[in-house]
């Protein structure tokens, strides 16, 4: 498991194909809160999906799968 303290605001979030699809707003509990999208909405994804952290937050799955499953509230249930 990764150390959430390594994750900082504005870090790029990249999918398993190394494509950036978001930026970090902050860590909120066991979720990663992403910066607002073009519609002004935040999205949340489980920290369990984070594979590694270096200068980017690397996810363990493709971006399209993440975007299908992310939620718009921290209590939401991602698949």
N, C-alpha and C. Protein backbone atom coordinates (compact mmCIF):
# COMPACT_ATOMS: atom_id res chain seq x y z
N UNK A 1 0.85 -1.19 0.00
CA UNK A 1 0.00 0.00 0.00
C UNK A 1 0.89 1.25 0.00
N UNK A 2 0.44 2.25 -0.65
CA UNK A 2 1.19 3.50 -0.74
C UNK A 2 1.01 4.33 0.53
N UNK A 3 1.89 5.29 0.70
CA UNK A 3 1.80 6.22 1.82
C UNK A 3 1.05 7.46 1.33
N UNK A 4 -0.17 7.72 1.82
CA UNK A 4 -0.94 8.88 1.36
C UNK A 4 -0.22 10.21 1.56
N UNK A 5 0.72 10.28 2.50
CA UNK A 5 1.47 11.52 2.76
C UNK A 5 2.35 11.90 1.57
N UNK A 6 2.63 10.94 0.68
CA UNK A 6 3.43 11.22 -0.52
C UNK A 6 2.64 12.00 -1.57
N UNK A 7 1.32 11.96 -1.46
CA UNK A 7 0.46 12.58 -2.47
C UNK A 7 0.24 14.04 -2.11
N UNK A 8 0.58 14.92 -3.05
CA UNK A 8 0.47 16.37 -2.82
C UNK A 8 -0.51 17.00 -3.81
N UNK A 9 -1.11 18.13 -3.42
CA UNK A 9 -2.02 18.84 -4.33
C UNK A 9 -1.34 19.17 -5.66
N UNK A 10 -2.12 19.10 -6.72
CA UNK A 10 -1.73 19.44 -8.08
C UNK A 10 -0.83 18.39 -8.76
N UNK A 11 -0.57 17.25 -8.09
CA UNK A 11 0.20 16.19 -8.74
C UNK A 11 -0.62 15.62 -9.89
N UNK A 12 0.01 15.32 -11.02
CA UNK A 12 -0.71 14.66 -12.11
C UNK A 12 -1.14 13.25 -11.69
N UNK A 13 -2.32 12.85 -12.14
CA UNK A 13 -2.82 11.49 -11.91
C UNK A 13 -2.83 10.81 -13.27
N UNK A 14 -2.10 9.69 -13.38
CA UNK A 14 -1.99 8.99 -14.65
C UNK A 14 -2.56 7.57 -14.53
N UNK A 15 -3.12 7.11 -15.64
CA UNK A 15 -3.71 5.77 -15.67
C UNK A 15 -2.62 4.72 -15.90
N UNK A 16 -3.03 3.47 -15.98
CA UNK A 16 -2.08 2.38 -16.18
C UNK A 16 -1.38 2.46 -17.54
N UNK A 17 -1.89 3.27 -18.43
CA UNK A 17 -1.26 3.47 -19.75
C UNK A 17 -0.39 4.72 -19.76
N UNK A 18 -0.12 5.27 -18.57
CA UNK A 18 0.72 6.45 -18.34
C UNK A 18 0.18 7.72 -19.01
N UNK A 19 -1.14 7.81 -19.13
CA UNK A 19 -1.79 9.01 -19.67
C UNK A 19 -2.42 9.78 -18.53
N UNK A 20 -2.14 11.09 -18.47
CA UNK A 20 -2.73 11.92 -17.41
C UNK A 20 -4.21 12.14 -17.70
N UNK A 21 -5.04 11.96 -16.67
CA UNK A 21 -6.47 12.22 -16.83
C UNK A 21 -7.01 13.15 -15.76
N UNK A 22 -6.17 13.52 -14.78
CA UNK A 22 -6.64 14.40 -13.70
C UNK A 22 -5.45 14.93 -12.92
N UNK A 23 -5.78 15.81 -11.94
CA UNK A 23 -4.80 16.31 -10.98
C UNK A 23 -5.38 16.14 -9.58
N UNK A 24 -4.50 16.00 -8.62
CA UNK A 24 -4.89 15.83 -7.23
C UNK A 24 -5.36 17.15 -6.64
N UNK A 25 -6.49 17.12 -5.95
CA UNK A 25 -6.89 18.23 -5.10
C UNK A 25 -6.29 17.95 -3.71
N UNK A 26 -6.67 16.81 -3.12
CA UNK A 26 -6.07 16.36 -1.86
C UNK A 26 -6.57 14.96 -1.52
N UNK A 27 -5.97 14.36 -0.50
CA UNK A 27 -6.43 13.08 0.01
C UNK A 27 -7.50 13.36 1.07
N UNK A 28 -8.60 12.64 0.96
CA UNK A 28 -9.72 12.80 1.89
C UNK A 28 -10.12 11.42 2.40
N UNK A 29 -9.65 11.10 3.60
CA UNK A 29 -9.92 9.77 4.14
C UNK A 29 -9.20 8.71 3.33
N UNK A 30 -9.96 7.73 2.83
CA UNK A 30 -9.37 6.68 1.99
C UNK A 30 -9.63 6.93 0.50
N UNK A 31 -9.89 8.19 0.16
CA UNK A 31 -10.17 8.58 -1.23
C UNK A 31 -9.19 9.65 -1.71
N UNK A 32 -8.98 9.67 -2.99
CA UNK A 32 -8.21 10.71 -3.64
C UNK A 32 -9.21 11.66 -4.27
N UNK A 33 -9.21 12.91 -3.82
CA UNK A 33 -10.12 13.93 -4.38
C UNK A 33 -9.37 14.61 -5.51
N UNK A 34 -9.99 14.64 -6.69
CA UNK A 34 -9.38 15.24 -7.87
C UNK A 34 -9.85 16.68 -8.02
N UNK A 35 -9.04 17.50 -8.70
CA UNK A 35 -9.43 18.88 -8.93
C UNK A 35 -10.69 18.92 -9.79
N UNK A 36 -11.36 20.05 -9.76
CA UNK A 36 -12.61 20.20 -10.51
C UNK A 36 -12.38 20.00 -12.01
N UNK A 37 -13.37 19.36 -12.64
CA UNK A 37 -13.32 19.16 -14.09
C UNK A 37 -13.93 20.37 -14.79
N UNK A 38 -14.12 20.29 -16.09
CA UNK A 38 -14.65 21.40 -16.88
C UNK A 38 -16.07 21.79 -16.46
N UNK A 39 -16.80 20.86 -15.84
CA UNK A 39 -18.16 21.13 -15.37
C UNK A 39 -18.17 21.67 -13.93
N UNK A 40 -16.99 21.82 -13.35
CA UNK A 40 -16.91 22.34 -11.99
C UNK A 40 -17.13 21.30 -10.91
N UNK A 41 -17.00 20.01 -11.26
CA UNK A 41 -17.22 18.93 -10.30
C UNK A 41 -15.90 18.29 -9.86
N UNK A 42 -15.84 17.95 -8.59
CA UNK A 42 -14.74 17.13 -8.07
C UNK A 42 -15.11 15.67 -8.29
N UNK A 43 -14.11 14.82 -8.42
CA UNK A 43 -14.34 13.37 -8.50
C UNK A 43 -13.46 12.71 -7.45
N UNK A 44 -13.90 11.56 -6.98
CA UNK A 44 -13.21 10.81 -5.94
C UNK A 44 -12.92 9.40 -6.44
N UNK A 45 -11.71 8.93 -6.14
CA UNK A 45 -11.33 7.56 -6.46
C UNK A 45 -10.64 6.95 -5.24
N UNK A 46 -10.81 5.64 -5.05
CA UNK A 46 -10.21 4.98 -3.88
C UNK A 46 -8.68 5.00 -3.92
N UNK A 47 -8.08 5.20 -2.77
CA UNK A 47 -6.62 5.13 -2.69
C UNK A 47 -6.13 3.72 -3.00
N UNK A 48 -6.99 2.72 -2.85
CA UNK A 48 -6.62 1.34 -3.18
C UNK A 48 -6.23 1.18 -4.65
N UNK A 49 -6.69 2.09 -5.49
CA UNK A 49 -6.39 2.01 -6.91
C UNK A 49 -5.03 2.60 -7.27
N UNK A 50 -4.39 3.27 -6.30
CA UNK A 50 -3.07 3.87 -6.54
C UNK A 50 -2.02 2.77 -6.50
N UNK A 51 -1.26 2.67 -7.57
CA UNK A 51 -0.21 1.65 -7.67
C UNK A 51 1.09 2.15 -7.07
N UNK A 52 1.54 3.33 -7.50
CA UNK A 52 2.77 3.93 -7.00
C UNK A 52 2.64 5.45 -7.03
N UNK A 53 3.55 6.10 -6.31
CA UNK A 53 3.61 7.56 -6.30
C UNK A 53 5.07 7.95 -6.46
N UNK A 54 5.35 8.81 -7.45
CA UNK A 54 6.67 9.42 -7.60
C UNK A 54 6.39 10.90 -7.85
N UNK A 55 6.71 11.43 -9.01
CA UNK A 55 6.32 12.80 -9.32
C UNK A 55 4.88 12.84 -9.85
N UNK A 56 4.28 11.66 -10.01
CA UNK A 56 2.88 11.50 -10.44
C UNK A 56 2.23 10.45 -9.56
N UNK A 57 0.92 10.44 -9.58
CA UNK A 57 0.15 9.39 -8.91
C UNK A 57 -0.24 8.40 -10.00
N UNK A 58 0.28 7.19 -9.90
CA UNK A 58 0.06 6.15 -10.91
C UNK A 58 -1.06 5.22 -10.47
N UNK A 59 -2.09 5.10 -11.31
CA UNK A 59 -3.23 4.24 -11.00
C UNK A 59 -3.00 2.84 -11.56
N UNK A 60 -3.75 1.87 -11.06
CA UNK A 60 -3.57 0.48 -11.45
C UNK A 60 -4.51 0.02 -12.57
N UNK A 61 -5.23 0.96 -13.19
CA UNK A 61 -6.18 0.58 -14.24
C UNK A 61 -6.27 1.68 -15.29
N UNK A 62 -6.85 1.38 -16.45
CA UNK A 62 -6.97 2.37 -17.53
C UNK A 62 -7.87 3.55 -17.13
N UNK A 63 -7.60 4.69 -17.70
CA UNK A 63 -8.35 5.91 -17.40
C UNK A 63 -9.83 5.80 -17.66
N UNK A 64 -10.22 5.14 -18.76
CA UNK A 64 -11.65 5.04 -19.06
C UNK A 64 -12.38 4.23 -17.99
N UNK A 65 -11.74 3.21 -17.45
CA UNK A 65 -12.34 2.41 -16.38
C UNK A 65 -12.47 3.25 -15.10
N UNK A 66 -11.48 4.06 -14.82
CA UNK A 66 -11.51 4.92 -13.63
C UNK A 66 -12.63 5.95 -13.77
N UNK A 67 -12.71 6.59 -14.92
CA UNK A 67 -13.72 7.63 -15.11
C UNK A 67 -15.14 7.07 -15.10
N UNK A 68 -15.32 5.81 -15.48
CA UNK A 68 -16.64 5.19 -15.40
C UNK A 68 -17.05 4.94 -13.96
N UNK A 69 -16.06 4.67 -13.10
CA UNK A 69 -16.35 4.25 -11.73
C UNK A 69 -16.18 5.34 -10.68
N UNK A 70 -15.56 6.48 -11.02
CA UNK A 70 -15.33 7.49 -9.99
C UNK A 70 -16.65 8.05 -9.50
N UNK A 71 -16.63 8.69 -8.34
CA UNK A 71 -17.84 9.25 -7.76
C UNK A 71 -17.69 10.76 -7.60
N UNK A 72 -18.80 11.43 -7.35
CA UNK A 72 -18.76 12.88 -7.16
C UNK A 72 -18.93 13.27 -5.69
N UNK A 73 -18.91 12.26 -4.81
CA UNK A 73 -18.94 12.54 -3.36
C UNK A 73 -18.02 11.56 -2.67
N UNK A 74 -17.41 11.98 -1.55
CA UNK A 74 -16.46 11.10 -0.88
C UNK A 74 -17.08 9.82 -0.33
N UNK A 75 -18.37 9.86 -0.07
CA UNK A 75 -19.04 8.67 0.44
C UNK A 75 -19.53 7.74 -0.64
N UNK A 76 -19.37 8.17 -1.90
CA UNK A 76 -19.85 7.35 -3.02
C UNK A 76 -19.06 6.06 -3.12
N UNK A 77 -19.66 5.09 -3.75
CA UNK A 77 -19.04 3.77 -3.86
C UNK A 77 -18.51 3.55 -5.27
N UNK A 78 -17.20 3.54 -5.40
CA UNK A 78 -16.58 3.22 -6.69
C UNK A 78 -16.45 1.72 -6.79
N UNK A 79 -16.58 1.19 -7.99
CA UNK A 79 -16.52 -0.26 -8.20
C UNK A 79 -15.11 -0.77 -8.17
